Amino acid sequence: MGTPPVLGPQHPRIAELRRLTGRRSSRSAEILLEGPRTIGEALDAGLSLLTVVVPEGSSDVTDVVAVRERLDAGVEQLVVRDKVFARLAPSITPQPMLAVARRPSTAIPARVGDDDVILVLVDV
């Protein structure tokens, strides 16, 4: 697997990724996942990943490499400068990997039985 070029703060893809951490992210068809463990679990669950972002200083971390080896050929892989990654990640202490995935959709059943429980969460 070749290493992609390292992207800086002015690259157009960085601006696109920043919008996922903004206020309108809950309305997006895409979600942002953080950390190799979470991303690995998303792959296990069959979630469709679109893009994976890794900070330059963590591109050879064992957990990161293991997840990258599992990615389909069509998944965009970006390596960004460490400071750029720190600004992209939504947490204060970011995990060394982010992924953009298609938001899973779940349909509410047309009929609900007497013993069924449906929980609806809004703006969580």
PDB file of N, CA and C in Angstrom:
ATOM      1  N   MET A   1       0.848  -1.167   0.000  1.00  0.00           N
ATOM      2  CA  MET A   1       0.000   0.000   0.000  1.00  0.00           C
ATOM      3  C   MET A   1       0.894   1.229   0.000  1.00  0.00           C
ATOM      4  N   GLY A   2       0.748   2.101  -0.977  1.00  0.00           N
ATOM      5  CA  GLY A   2       1.537   3.311  -1.045  1.00  0.00           C
ATOM      6  C   GLY A   2       1.027   4.356  -0.071  1.00  0.00           C
ATOM      7  N   THR A   3       1.928   5.248   0.324  1.00  0.00           N
ATOM      8  CA  THR A   3       1.530   6.309   1.234  1.00  0.00           C
ATOM      9  C   THR A   3       1.070   7.513   0.432  1.00  0.00           C
ATOM     10  N   PRO A   4      -0.150   8.005   0.695  1.00  0.00           N
ATOM     11  CA  PRO A   4      -0.628   9.183  -0.025  1.00  0.00           C
ATOM     12  C   PRO A   4       0.166  10.420   0.374  1.00  0.00           C
ATOM     13  N   PRO A   5       0.137  11.475  -0.461  1.00  0.00           N
ATOM     14  CA  PRO A   5       0.842  12.706  -0.092  1.00  0.00           C
ATOM     15  C   PRO A   5       0.222  13.332   1.158  1.00  0.00           C
ATOM     16  N   VAL A   6       1.031  14.083   1.898  1.00  0.00           N
ATOM     17  CA  VAL A   6       0.571  14.737   3.127  1.00  0.00           C
ATOM     18  C   VAL A   6      -0.110  16.052   2.753  1.00  0.00           C
ATOM     19  N   LEU A   7      -1.340  16.241   3.243  1.00  0.00           N
ATOM     20  CA  LEU A   7      -2.115  17.434   2.919  1.00  0.00           C
ATOM     21  C   LEU A   7      -1.979  18.485   4.010  1.00  0.00           C
ATOM     22  N   GLY A   8      -1.899  19.741   3.574  1.00  0.00           N
ATOM     23  CA  GLY A   8      -1.821  20.863   4.504  1.00  0.00           C
ATOM     24  C   GLY A   8      -3.173  21.529   4.690  1.00  0.00           C
ATOM     25  N   PRO A   9      -3.223  22.602   5.473  1.00  0.00           N
ATOM     26  CA  PRO A   9      -4.490  23.238   5.837  1.00  0.00           C
ATOM     27  C   PRO A   9      -5.226  23.899   4.678  1.00  0.00           C
ATOM     28  N   GLN A  10      -4.546  24.221   3.599  1.00  0.00           N
ATOM     29  CA  GLN A  10      -5.184  24.916   2.486  1.00  0.00           C
ATOM     30  C   GLN A  10      -5.784  23.981   1.442  1.00  0.00           C
ATOM     31  N   HIS A  11      -5.595  22.697   1.598  1.00  0.00           N
ATOM     32  CA  HIS A  11      -6.111  21.747   0.611  1.00  0.00           C
ATOM     33  C   HIS A  11      -7.644  21.752   0.630  1.00  0.00           C
ATOM     34  N   PRO A  12      -8.288  21.720  -0.551  1.00  0.00           N
ATOM     35  CA  PRO A  12      -9.761  21.767  -0.615  1.00  0.00           C
ATOM     36  C   PRO A  12     -10.458  20.649   0.165  1.00  0.00           C
ATOM     37  N   ARG A  13      -9.876  19.476   0.222  1.00  0.00           N
ATOM     38  CA  ARG A  13     -10.504  18.367   0.961  1.00  0.00           C
ATOM     39  C   ARG A  13     -10.589  18.665   2.458  1.00  0.00           C
ATOM     40  N   ILE A  14      -9.649  19.438   2.977  1.00  0.00           N
ATOM     41  CA  ILE A  14      -9.658  19.775   4.403  1.00  0.00           C
ATOM     42  C   ILE A  14     -10.899  20.607   4.731  1.00  0.00           C
ATOM     43  N   ALA A  15     -11.216  21.584   3.886  1.00  0.00           N
ATOM     44  CA  ALA A  15     -12.415  22.405   4.109  1.00  0.00           C
ATOM     45  C   ALA A  15     -13.677  21.550   4.062  1.00  0.00           C
ATOM     46  N   GLU A  16     -13.732  20.598   3.148  1.00  0.00           N
ATOM     47  CA  GLU A  16     -14.892  19.712   3.047  1.00  0.00           C
ATOM     48  C   GLU A  16     -15.040  18.860   4.310  1.00  0.00           C
ATOM     49  N   LEU A  17     -13.927  18.392   4.837  1.00  0.00           N
ATOM     50  CA  LEU A  17     -13.971  17.569   6.045  1.00  0.00           C
ATOM     51  C   LEU A  17     -14.364  18.385   7.277  1.00  0.00           C
ATOM     52  N   ARG A  18     -13.965  19.640   7.313  1.00  0.00           N
ATOM     53  CA  ARG A  18     -14.297  20.494   8.461  1.00  0.00           C
ATOM     54  C   ARG A  18     -15.799  20.672   8.626  1.00  0.00           C
ATOM     55  N   ARG A  19     -16.535  20.695   7.532  1.00  0.00           N
ATOM     56  CA  ARG A  19     -17.984  20.909   7.631  1.00  0.00           C
ATOM     57  C   ARG A  19     -18.673  19.770   8.375  1.00  0.00           C
ATOM     58  N   LEU A  20     -18.085  18.574   8.363  1.00  0.00           N
ATOM     59  CA  LEU A  20     -18.688  17.446   9.079  1.00  0.00           C
ATOM     60  C   LEU A  20     -18.613  17.608  10.596  1.00  0.00           C
ATOM     61  N   THR A  21     -17.697  18.410  11.072  1.00  0.00           N
ATOM     62  CA  THR A  21     -17.605  18.637  12.514  1.00  0.00           C
ATOM     63  C   THR A  21     -18.372  19.886  12.929  1.00  0.00           C
ATOM     64  N   GLY A  22     -18.966  20.563  11.959  1.00  0.00           N
ATOM     65  CA  GLY A  22     -19.704  21.794  12.246  1.00  0.00           C
ATOM     66  C   GLY A  22     -21.112  21.543  12.744  1.00  0.00           C
ATOM     67  N   ARG A  23     -21.854  22.608  12.896  1.00  0.00           N
ATOM     68  CA  ARG A  23     -23.202  22.563  13.459  1.00  0.00           C
ATOM     69  C   ARG A  23     -24.191  21.821  12.574  1.00  0.00           C
ATOM     70  N   ARG A  24     -23.985  21.817  11.291  1.00  0.00           N
ATOM     71  CA  ARG A  24     -24.941  21.193  10.381  1.00  0.00           C
ATOM     72  C   ARG A  24     -24.658  19.719  10.136  1.00  0.00           C
ATOM     73  N   SER A  25     -23.692  19.169  10.834  1.00  0.00           N
ATOM     74  CA  SER A  25     -23.308  17.781  10.587  1.00  0.00           C
ATOM     75  C   SER A  25     -24.441  16.800  10.856  1.00  0.00           C
ATOM     76  N   SER A  26     -25.364  17.131  11.759  1.00  0.00           N
ATOM     77  CA  SER A  26     -26.460  16.205  12.066  1.00  0.00           C
ATOM     78  C   SER A  26     -27.435  16.072  10.907  1.00  0.00           C
ATOM     79  N   ARG A  27     -27.389  17.008   9.981  1.00  0.00           N
ATOM     80  CA  ARG A  27     -28.271  16.943   8.813  1.00  0.00           C
ATOM     81  C   ARG A  27     -27.583  16.324   7.599  1.00  0.00           C
ATOM     82  N   SER A  28     -26.335  16.025   7.733  1.00  0.00           N
ATOM     83  CA  SER A  28     -25.557  15.496   6.618  1.00  0.00           C
ATOM     84  C   SER A  28     -25.868  14.019   6.382  1.00  0.00           C
ATOM     85  N   ALA A  29     -25.683  13.595   5.144  1.00  0.00           N
ATOM     86  CA  ALA A  29     -25.837  12.178   4.802  1.00  0.00           C
ATOM     87  C   ALA A  29     -24.598  11.389   5.207  1.00  0.00           C
ATOM     88  N   GLU A  30     -23.601  12.095   5.729  1.00  0.00           N
ATOM     89  CA  GLU A  30     -22.352  11.466   6.132  1.00  0.00           C
ATOM     90  C   GLU A  30     -22.106  11.696   7.621  1.00  0.00           C
ATOM     91  N   ILE A  31     -21.386  10.772   8.241  1.00  0.00           N
ATOM     92  CA  ILE A  31     -21.021  10.912   9.648  1.00  0.00           C
ATOM     93  C   ILE A  31     -19.511  10.799   9.791  1.00  0.00           C
ATOM     94  N   LEU A  32     -19.008  11.351  10.874  1.00  0.00           N
ATOM     95  CA  LEU A  32     -17.580  11.315  11.153  1.00  0.00           C
ATOM     96  C   LEU A  32     -17.326  10.350  12.306  1.00  0.00           C
ATOM     97  N   LEU A  33     -16.422   9.409  12.094  1.00  0.00           N
ATOM     98  CA  LEU A  33     -16.041   8.429  13.112  1.00  0.00           C
ATOM     99  C   LEU A  33     -14.616   8.730  13.548  1.00  0.00           C
ATOM    100  N   GLU A  34     -14.325   8.507  14.837  1.00  0.00           N
ATOM    101  CA  GLU A  34     -12.986   8.806  15.335  1.00  0.00           C
ATOM    102  C   GLU A  34     -12.377   7.602  16.035  1.00  0.00           C
ATOM    103  N   GLY A  35     -11.146   7.296  15.668  1.00  0.00           N
ATOM    104  CA  GLY A  35     -10.370   6.251  16.330  1.00  0.00           C
ATOM    105  C   GLY A  35     -10.367   4.940  15.572  1.00  0.00           C
ATOM    106  N   PRO A  36      -9.210   4.261  15.550  1.00  0.00           N
ATOM    107  CA  PRO A  36      -9.108   2.997  14.825  1.00  0.00           C
ATOM    108  C   PRO A  36     -10.053   1.921  15.360  1.00  0.00           C
ATOM    109  N   ARG A  37     -10.286   1.914  16.666  1.00  0.00           N
ATOM    110  CA  ARG A  37     -11.191   0.898  17.223  1.00  0.00           C
ATOM    111  C   ARG A  37     -12.623   1.118  16.734  1.00  0.00           C
ATOM    112  N   THR A  38     -13.104   2.352  16.817  1.00  0.00           N
ATOM    113  CA  THR A  38     -14.456   2.675  16.352  1.00  0.00           C
ATOM    114  C   THR A  38     -14.597   2.411  14.861  1.00  0.00           C
ATOM    115  N   ILE A  39     -13.591   2.787  14.099  1.00  0.00           N
ATOM    116  CA  ILE A  39     -13.640   2.590  12.650  1.00  0.00           C
ATOM    117  C   ILE A  39     -13.596   1.104  12.318  1.00  0.00           C
ATOM    118  N   GLY A  40     -12.783   0.338  13.035  1.00  0.00           N
ATOM    119  CA  GLY A  40     -12.757  -1.113  12.841  1.00  0.00           C
ATOM    120  C   GLY A  40     -14.108  -1.743  13.136  1.00  0.00           C
ATOM    121  N   GLU A  41     -14.766  -1.289  14.212  1.00  0.00           N
ATOM    122  CA  GLU A  41     -16.097  -1.804  14.548  1.00  0.00           C
ATOM    123  C   GLU A  41     -17.125  -1.413  13.488  1.00  0.00           C
ATOM    124  N   ALA A  42     -16.973  -0.223  12.917  1.00  0.00           N
ATOM    125  CA  ALA A  42     -17.868   0.199  11.836  1.00  0.00           C
ATOM    126  C   ALA A  42     -17.691  -0.705  10.617  1.00  0.00           C
ATOM    127  N   LEU A  43     -16.450  -1.058  10.313  1.00  0.00           N
ATOM    128  CA  LEU A  43     -16.193  -1.991   9.211  1.00  0.00           C
ATOM    129  C   LEU A  43     -16.815  -3.351   9.512  1.00  0.00           C
ATOM    130  N   ASP A  44     -16.673  -3.821  10.760  1.00  0.00           N
ATOM    131  CA  ASP A  44     -17.273  -5.098  11.165  1.00  0.00           C
ATOM    132  C   ASP A  44     -18.784  -5.082  10.973  1.00  0.00           C
ATOM    133  N   ALA A  45     -19.406  -3.920  11.216  1.00  0.00           N
ATOM    134  CA  ALA A  45     -20.856  -3.785  11.106  1.00  0.00           C
ATOM    135  C   ALA A  45     -21.317  -3.564   9.669  1.00  0.00           C
ATOM    136  N   GLY A  46     -20.362  -3.465   8.736  1.00  0.00           N
ATOM    137  CA  GLY A  46     -20.718  -3.302   7.328  1.00  0.00           C
ATOM    138  C   GLY A  46     -20.972  -1.872   6.902  1.00  0.00           C
ATOM    139  N   LEU A  47     -20.564  -0.901   7.707  1.00  0.00           N
ATOM    140  CA  LEU A  47     -20.742   0.498   7.344  1.00  0.00           C
ATOM    141  C   LEU A  47     -19.878   0.826   6.136  1.00  0.00           C
ATOM    142  N   SER A  48     -20.386   1.640   5.261  1.00  0.00           N
ATOM    143  CA  SER A  48     -19.681   2.012   4.043  1.00  0.00           C
ATOM    144  C   SER A  48     -18.824   3.253   4.296  1.00  0.00           C
ATOM    145  N   LEU A  49     -17.511   3.075   4.312  1.00  0.00           N
ATOM    146  CA  LEU A  49     -16.597   4.191   4.522  1.00  0.00           C
ATOM    147  C   LEU A  49     -16.301   4.873   3.200  1.00  0.00           C
ATOM    148  N   LEU A  50     -16.229   6.198   3.240  1.00  0.00           N
ATOM    149  CA  LEU A  50     -15.917   6.979   2.051  1.00  0.00           C
ATOM    150  C   LEU A  50     -14.476   7.478   2.081  1.00  0.00           C
ATOM    151  N   THR A  51     -14.058   7.976   3.241  1.00  0.00           N
ATOM    152  CA  THR A  51     -12.735   8.585   3.390  1.00  0.00           C
ATOM    153  C   THR A  51     -12.162   8.227   4.754  1.00  0.00           C
ATOM    154  N   VAL A  52     -10.854   8.002   4.799  1.00  0.00           N
ATOM    155  CA  VAL A  52     -10.141   7.797   6.059  1.00  0.00           C
ATOM    156  C   VAL A  52      -9.032   8.838   6.115  1.00  0.00           C
ATOM    157  N   VAL A  53      -8.896   9.484   7.281  1.00  0.00           N
ATOM    158  CA  VAL A  53      -7.897  10.534   7.476  1.00  0.00           C
ATOM    159  C   VAL A  53      -6.992  10.136   8.636  1.00  0.00           C
ATOM    160  N   VAL A  54      -5.686  10.236   8.401  1.00  0.00           N
ATOM    161  CA  VAL A  54      -4.689   9.856   9.404  1.00  0.00           C
ATOM    162  C   VAL A  54      -3.692  11.001   9.544  1.00  0.00           C
ATOM    163  N   PRO A  55      -3.303  11.345  10.785  1.00  0.00           N
ATOM    164  CA  PRO A  55      -2.258  12.353  10.946  1.00  0.00           C
ATOM    165  C   PRO A  55      -0.902  11.782  10.537  1.00  0.00           C
ATOM    166  N   GLU A  56      -0.091  12.629   9.974  1.00  0.00           N
ATOM    167  CA  GLU A  56       1.219  12.211   9.466  1.00  0.00           C
ATOM    168  C   GLU A  56       2.032  11.451  10.513  1.00  0.00           C
ATOM    169  N   GLY A  57       2.011  11.899  11.752  1.00  0.00           N
ATOM    170  CA  GLY A  57       2.808  11.278  12.805  1.00  0.00           C
ATOM    171  C   GLY A  57       2.288   9.933  13.279  1.00  0.00           C
ATOM    172  N   SER A  58       1.091   9.549  12.844  1.00  0.00           N
ATOM    173  CA  SER A  58       0.499   8.279  13.292  1.00  0.00           C
ATOM    174  C   SER A  58       0.276   7.289  12.161  1.00  0.00           C
ATOM    175  N   SER A  59       0.799   7.581  10.990  1.00  0.00           N
ATOM    176  CA  SER A  59       0.523   6.720   9.837  1.00  0.00           C
ATOM    177  C   SER A  59       1.100   5.315   9.982  1.00  0.00           C
ATOM    178  N   ASP A  60       2.070   5.131  10.899  1.00  0.00           N
ATOM    179  CA  ASP A  60       2.654   3.800  11.087  1.00  0.00           C
ATOM    180  C   ASP A  60       2.258   3.149  12.417  1.00  0.00           C
ATOM    181  N   VAL A  61       1.278   3.730  13.134  1.00  0.00           N
ATOM    182  CA  VAL A  61       0.782   3.142  14.385  1.00  0.00           C
ATOM    183  C   VAL A  61       0.086   1.822  14.054  1.00  0.00           C
ATOM    184  N   THR A  62       0.361   0.790  14.840  1.00  0.00           N
ATOM    185  CA  THR A  62      -0.123  -0.565  14.557  1.00  0.00           C
ATOM    186  C   THR A  62      -1.627  -0.628  14.317  1.00  0.00           C
ATOM    187  N   ASP A  63      -2.432  -0.021  15.195  1.00  0.00           N
ATOM    188  CA  ASP A  63      -3.893  -0.060  15.039  1.00  0.00           C
ATOM    189  C   ASP A  63      -4.348   0.649  13.766  1.00  0.00           C
ATOM    190  N   VAL A  64      -3.691   1.745  13.440  1.00  0.00           N
ATOM    191  CA  VAL A  64      -4.029   2.501  12.229  1.00  0.00           C
ATOM    192  C   VAL A  64      -3.714   1.669  10.993  1.00  0.00           C
ATOM    193  N   VAL A  65      -2.543   1.069  10.963  1.00  0.00           N
ATOM    194  CA  VAL A  65      -2.138   0.229   9.828  1.00  0.00           C
ATOM    195  C   VAL A  65      -3.106  -0.940   9.661  1.00  0.00           C
ATOM    196  N   ALA A  66      -3.502  -1.565  10.769  1.00  0.00           N
ATOM    197  CA  ALA A  66      -4.418  -2.711  10.705  1.00  0.00           C
ATOM    198  C   ALA A  66      -5.754  -2.323  10.082  1.00  0.00           C
ATOM    199  N   VAL A  67      -6.285  -1.165  10.437  1.00  0.00           N
ATOM    200  CA  VAL A  67      -7.554  -0.719   9.847  1.00  0.00           C
ATOM    201  C   VAL A  67      -7.357  -0.369   8.379  1.00  0.00           C
ATOM    202  N   ARG A  68      -6.285   0.329   8.054  1.00  0.00           N
ATOM    203  CA  ARG A  68      -6.045   0.716   6.655  1.00  0.00           C
ATOM    204  C   ARG A  68      -5.922  -0.507   5.750  1.00  0.00           C
ATOM    205  N   GLU A  69      -5.367  -1.594   6.269  1.00  0.00           N
ATOM    206  CA  GLU A  69      -5.240  -2.815   5.470  1.00  0.00           C
ATOM    207  C   GLU A  69      -6.594  -3.451   5.173  1.00  0.00           C
ATOM    208  N   ARG A  70      -7.602  -3.151   5.968  1.00  0.00           N
ATOM    209  CA  ARG A  70      -8.940  -3.714   5.781  1.00  0.00           C
ATOM    210  C   ARG A  70      -9.812  -2.892   4.832  1.00  0.00           C
ATOM    211  N   LEU A  71      -9.356  -1.718   4.429  1.00  0.00           N
ATOM    212  CA  LEU A  71     -10.184  -0.826   3.624  1.00  0.00           C
ATOM    213  C   LEU A  71     -10.328  -1.323   2.193  1.00  0.00           C
ATOM    214  N   ASP A  72     -11.513  -1.108   1.639  1.00  0.00           N
ATOM    215  CA  ASP A  72     -11.736  -1.404   0.227  1.00  0.00           C
ATOM    216  C   ASP A  72     -10.896  -0.457  -0.621  1.00  0.00           C
ATOM    217  N   ALA A  73     -10.615  -0.869  -1.841  1.00  0.00           N
ATOM    218  CA  ALA A  73      -9.785  -0.066  -2.741  1.00  0.00           C
ATOM    219  C   ALA A  73     -10.410   1.297  -3.038  1.00  0.00           C
ATOM    220  N   GLY A  74     -11.728   1.405  -2.988  1.00  0.00           N
ATOM    221  CA  GLY A  74     -12.407   2.654  -3.325  1.00  0.00           C
ATOM    222  C   GLY A  74     -12.451   3.684  -2.209  1.00  0.00           C
ATOM    223  N   VAL A  75     -11.958   3.344  -1.024  1.00  0.00           N
ATOM    224  CA  VAL A  75     -11.981   4.281   0.103  1.00  0.00           C
ATOM    225  C   VAL A  75     -10.835   5.277  -0.060  1.00  0.00           C
ATOM    226  N   GLU A  76     -11.170   6.556  -0.051  1.00  0.00           N
ATOM    227  CA  GLU A  76     -10.157   7.608  -0.153  1.00  0.00           C
ATOM    228  C   GLU A  76      -9.348   7.642   1.143  1.00  0.00           C
ATOM    229  N   GLN A  77      -8.021   7.602   1.022  1.00  0.00           N
ATOM    230  CA  GLN A  77      -7.146   7.642   2.195  1.00  0.00           C
ATOM    231  C   GLN A  77      -6.311   8.917   2.145  1.00  0.00           C
ATOM    232  N   LEU A  78      -6.433   9.728   3.193  1.00  0.00           N
ATOM    233  CA  LEU A  78      -5.715  10.993   3.263  1.00  0.00           C
ATOM    234  C   LEU A  78      -4.775  10.994   4.463  1.00  0.00           C
ATOM    235  N   VAL A  79      -3.584  11.517   4.267  1.00  0.00           N
ATOM    236  CA  VAL A  79      -2.642  11.754   5.357  1.00  0.00           C
ATOM    237  C   VAL A  79      -2.498  13.267   5.457  1.00  0.00           C
ATOM    238  N   VAL A  80      -2.708  13.800   6.662  1.00  0.00           N
ATOM    239  CA  VAL A  80      -2.651  15.246   6.853  1.00  0.00           C
ATOM    240  C   VAL A  80      -1.610  15.585   7.914  1.00  0.00           C
ATOM    241  N   ARG A  81      -1.164  16.817   7.894  1.00  0.00           N
ATOM    242  CA  ARG A  81      -0.225  17.266   8.921  1.00  0.00           C
ATOM    243  C   ARG A  81      -0.877  17.133  10.294  1.00  0.00           C
ATOM    244  N   ASP A  82      -0.076  16.867  11.298  1.00  0.00           N
ATOM    245  CA  ASP A  82      -0.591  16.630  12.651  1.00  0.00           C
ATOM    246  C   ASP A  82      -1.450  17.789  13.168  1.00  0.00           C
ATOM    247  N   LYS A  83      -1.015  19.020  12.946  1.00  0.00           N
ATOM    248  CA  LYS A  83      -1.780  20.182  13.420  1.00  0.00           C
ATOM    249  C   LYS A  83      -3.116  20.301  12.686  1.00  0.00           C
ATOM    250  N   VAL A  84      -3.135  19.957  11.422  1.00  0.00           N
ATOM    251  CA  VAL A  84      -4.385  19.979  10.649  1.00  0.00           C
ATOM    252  C   VAL A  84      -5.339  18.932  11.205  1.00  0.00           C
ATOM    253  N   PHE A  85      -4.816  17.751  11.497  1.00  0.00           N
ATOM    254  CA  PHE A  85      -5.644  16.679  12.053  1.00  0.00           C
ATOM    255  C   PHE A  85      -6.246  17.097  13.394  1.00  0.00           C
ATOM    256  N   ALA A  86      -5.446  17.742  14.236  1.00  0.00           N
ATOM    257  CA  ALA A  86      -5.927  18.174  15.553  1.00  0.00           C
ATOM    258  C   ALA A  86      -7.101  19.133  15.418  1.00  0.00           C
ATOM    259  N   ARG A  87      -7.115  19.936  14.353  1.00  0.00           N
ATOM    260  CA  ARG A  87      -8.233  20.862  14.132  1.00  0.00           C
ATOM    261  C   ARG A  87      -9.437  20.172  13.513  1.00  0.00           C
ATOM    262  N   LEU A  88      -9.211  19.084  12.810  1.00  0.00           N
ATOM    263  CA  LEU A  88     -10.318  18.340  12.194  1.00  0.00           C
ATOM    264  C   LEU A  88     -11.055  17.478  13.208  1.00  0.00           C
ATOM    265  N   ALA A  89     -10.316  16.885  14.109  1.00  0.00           N
ATOM    266  CA  ALA A  89     -10.902  15.931  15.056  1.00  0.00           C
ATOM    267  C   ALA A  89     -11.846  16.644  16.021  1.00  0.00           C
ATOM    268  N   PRO A  90     -13.003  16.041  16.288  1.00  0.00           N
ATOM    269  CA  PRO A  90     -13.987  16.690  17.158  1.00  0.00           C
ATOM    270  C   PRO A  90     -13.657  16.631  18.651  1.00  0.00           C
ATOM    271  N   SER A  91     -12.746  15.761  19.058  1.00  0.00           N
ATOM    272  CA  SER A  91     -12.461  15.620  20.489  1.00  0.00           C
ATOM    273  C   SER A  91     -11.244  16.448  20.899  1.00  0.00           C
ATOM    274  N   ILE A  92     -11.124  16.668  22.200  1.00  0.00           N
ATOM    275  CA  ILE A  92     -10.004  17.443  22.733  1.00  0.00           C
ATOM    276  C   ILE A  92      -8.702  16.663  22.610  1.00  0.00           C
ATOM    277  N   THR A  93      -8.757  15.367  22.866  1.00  0.00           N
ATOM    278  CA  THR A  93      -7.597  14.491  22.719  1.00  0.00           C
ATOM    279  C   THR A  93      -7.909  13.504  21.599  1.00  0.00           C
ATOM    280  N   PRO A  94      -7.616  13.874  20.348  1.00  0.00           N
ATOM    281  CA  PRO A  94      -8.043  13.050  19.218  1.00  0.00           C
ATOM    282  C   PRO A  94      -7.358  11.691  19.140  1.00  0.00           C
ATOM    283  N   GLN A  95      -8.115  10.718  18.691  1.00  0.00           N
ATOM    284  CA  GLN A  95      -7.587   9.396  18.358  1.00  0.00           C
ATOM    285  C   GLN A  95      -6.886   9.514  17.006  1.00  0.00           C
ATOM    286  N   PRO A  96      -5.933   8.631  16.689  1.00  0.00           N
ATOM    287  CA  PRO A  96      -5.104   8.823  15.498  1.00  0.00           C
ATOM    288  C   PRO A  96      -5.736   8.400  14.173  1.00  0.00           C
ATOM    289  N   MET A  97      -7.054   8.545  14.039  1.00  0.00           N
ATOM    290  CA  MET A  97      -7.686   8.192  12.770  1.00  0.00           C
ATOM    291  C   MET A  97      -9.110   8.725  12.761  1.00  0.00           C
ATOM    292  N   LEU A  98      -9.520   9.275  11.617  1.00  0.00           N
ATOM    293  CA  LEU A  98     -10.901   9.693  11.393  1.00  0.00           C
ATOM    294  C   LEU A  98     -11.409   8.994  10.146  1.00  0.00           C
ATOM    295  N   ALA A  99     -12.704   8.797  10.077  1.00  0.00           N
ATOM    296  CA  ALA A  99     -13.303   8.236   8.866  1.00  0.00           C
ATOM    297  C   ALA A  99     -14.628   8.928   8.600  1.00  0.00           C
ATOM    298  N   VAL A 100     -14.925   9.103   7.336  1.00  0.00           N
ATOM    299  CA  VAL A 100     -16.225   9.599   6.898  1.00  0.00           C
ATOM    300  C   VAL A 100     -16.981   8.396   6.361  1.00  0.00           C
ATOM    301  N   ALA A 101     -18.194   8.209   6.865  1.00  0.00           N
ATOM    302  CA  ALA A 101     -19.018   7.071   6.444  1.00  0.00           C
ATOM    303  C   ALA A 101     -20.397   7.568   6.040  1.00  0.00           C
ATOM    304  N   ARG A 102     -21.065   6.772   5.236  1.00  0.00           N
ATOM    305  CA  ARG A 102     -22.462   7.081   4.924  1.00  0.00           C
ATOM    306  C   ARG A 102     -23.287   6.863   6.187  1.00  0.00           C
ATOM    307  N   ARG A 103     -24.169   7.812   6.470  1.00  0.00           N
ATOM    308  CA  ARG A 103     -25.042   7.686   7.647  1.00  0.00           C
ATOM    309  C   ARG A 103     -25.972   6.497   7.433  1.00  0.00           C
ATOM    310  N   PRO A 104     -25.981   5.546   8.366  1.00  0.00           N
ATOM    311  CA  PRO A 104     -26.892   4.407   8.209  1.00  0.00           C
ATOM    312  C   PRO A 104     -28.338   4.871   8.368  1.00  0.00           C
ATOM    313  N   SER A 105     -29.212   4.257   7.603  1.00  0.00           N
ATOM    314  CA  SER A 105     -30.629   4.613   7.726  1.00  0.00           C
ATOM    315  C   SER A 105     -31.385   3.424   8.300  1.00  0.00           C
ATOM    316  N   THR A 106     -32.332   3.738   9.138  1.00  0.00           N
ATOM    317  CA  THR A 106     -33.151   2.708   9.760  1.00  0.00           C
ATOM    318  C   THR A 106     -34.608   3.092   9.581  1.00  0.00           C
ATOM    319  N   ALA A 107     -35.358   2.182   9.035  1.00  0.00           N
ATOM    320  CA  ALA A 107     -36.781   2.447   8.824  1.00  0.00           C
ATOM    321  C   ALA A 107     -37.569   2.049  10.069  1.00  0.00           C
ATOM    322  N   ILE A 108     -38.548   2.857  10.404  1.00  0.00           N
ATOM    323  CA  ILE A 108     -39.448   2.525  11.507  1.00  0.00           C
ATOM    324  C   ILE A 108     -40.482   1.546  10.964  1.00  0.00           C
ATOM    325  N   PRO A 109     -40.752   0.470  11.679  1.00  0.00           N
ATOM    326  CA  PRO A 109     -41.711  -0.510  11.174  1.00  0.00           C
ATOM    327  C   PRO A 109     -43.100   0.100  10.996  1.00  0.00           C
ATOM    328  N   ALA A 110     -43.794  -0.357   9.957  1.00  0.00           N
ATOM    329  CA  ALA A 110     -45.138   0.151   9.668  1.00  0.00           C
ATOM    330  C   ALA A 110     -46.128  -0.246  10.755  1.00  0.00           C
ATOM    331  N   ARG A 111     -45.913  -1.393  11.351  1.00  0.00           N
ATOM    332  CA  ARG A 111     -46.812  -1.859  12.408  1.00  0.00           C
ATOM    333  C   ARG A 111     -46.000  -2.147  13.662  1.00  0.00           C
ATOM    334  N   VAL A 112     -46.543  -1.759  14.781  1.00  0.00           N
ATOM    335  CA  VAL A 112     -45.888  -1.983  16.063  1.00  0.00           C
ATOM    336  C   VAL A 112     -46.815  -2.828  16.919  1.00  0.00           C
ATOM    337  N   GLY A 113     -46.262  -3.900  17.473  1.00  0.00           N
ATOM    338  CA  GLY A 113     -47.049  -4.776  18.341  1.00  0.00           C
ATOM    339  C   GLY A 113     -47.174  -4.205  19.746  1.00  0.00           C
ATOM    340  N   ASP A 114     -48.061  -4.781  20.527  1.00  0.00           N
ATOM    341  CA  ASP A 114     -48.292  -4.318  21.897  1.00  0.00           C
ATOM    342  C   ASP A 114     -47.049  -4.443  22.776  1.00  0.00           C
ATOM    343  N   ASP A 115     -46.194  -5.401  22.496  1.00  0.00           N
ATOM    344  CA  ASP A 115     -44.997  -5.622  23.310  1.00  0.00           C
ATOM    345  C   ASP A 115     -43.762  -4.897  22.773  1.00  0.00           C
ATOM    346  N   ASP A 116     -43.891  -4.228  21.629  1.00  0.00           N
ATOM    347  CA  ASP A 116     -42.756  -3.534  21.024  1.00  0.00           C
ATOM    348  C   ASP A 116     -42.548  -2.167  21.675  1.00  0.00           C
ATOM    349  N   VAL A 117     -41.294  -1.764  21.731  1.00  0.00           N
ATOM    350  CA  VAL A 117     -40.940  -0.450  22.256  1.00  0.00           C
ATOM    351  C   VAL A 117     -40.127   0.265  21.189  1.00  0.00           C
ATOM    352  N   ILE A 118     -40.476   1.501  20.922  1.00  0.00           N
ATOM    353  CA  ILE A 118     -39.716   2.315  19.976  1.00  0.00           C
ATOM    354  C   ILE A 118     -39.202   3.532  20.727  1.00  0.00           C
ATOM    355  N   LEU A 119     -37.924   3.772  20.613  1.00  0.00           N
ATOM    356  CA  LEU A 119     -37.290   4.913  21.261  1.00  0.00           C
ATOM    357  C   LEU A 119     -36.839   5.866  20.169  1.00  0.00           C
ATOM    358  N   VAL A 120     -37.268   7.106  20.244  1.00  0.00           N
ATOM    359  CA  VAL A 120     -36.896   8.118  19.265  1.00  0.00           C
ATOM    360  C   VAL A 120     -36.066   9.174  19.979  1.00  0.00           C
ATOM    361  N   LEU A 121     -34.857   9.400  19.484  1.00  0.00           N
ATOM    362  CA  LEU A 121     -33.969  10.415  20.051  1.00  0.00           C
ATOM    363  C   LEU A 121     -33.833  11.548  19.051  1.00  0.00           C
ATOM    364  N   VAL A 122     -34.009  12.762  19.514  1.00  0.00           N
ATOM    365  CA  VAL A 122     -33.930  13.926  18.644  1.00  0.00           C
ATOM    366  C   VAL A 122     -32.860  14.869  19.183  1.00  0.00           C
ATOM    367  N   ASP A 123     -32.025  15.365  18.288  1.00  0.00           N
ATOM    368  CA  ASP A 123     -30.965  16.313  18.653  1.00  0.00           C
ATOM    369  C   ASP A 123     -30.059  15.795  19.765  1.00  0.00           C
ATOM    370  N   VAL A 124     -29.661  14.550  19.651  1.00  0.00           N
ATOM    371  CA  VAL A 124     -28.777  13.946  20.651  1.00  0.00           C
ATOM    372  C   VAL A 124     -27.346  14.052  20.179  1.00  0.00           C
TER     373      VAL A 124
END
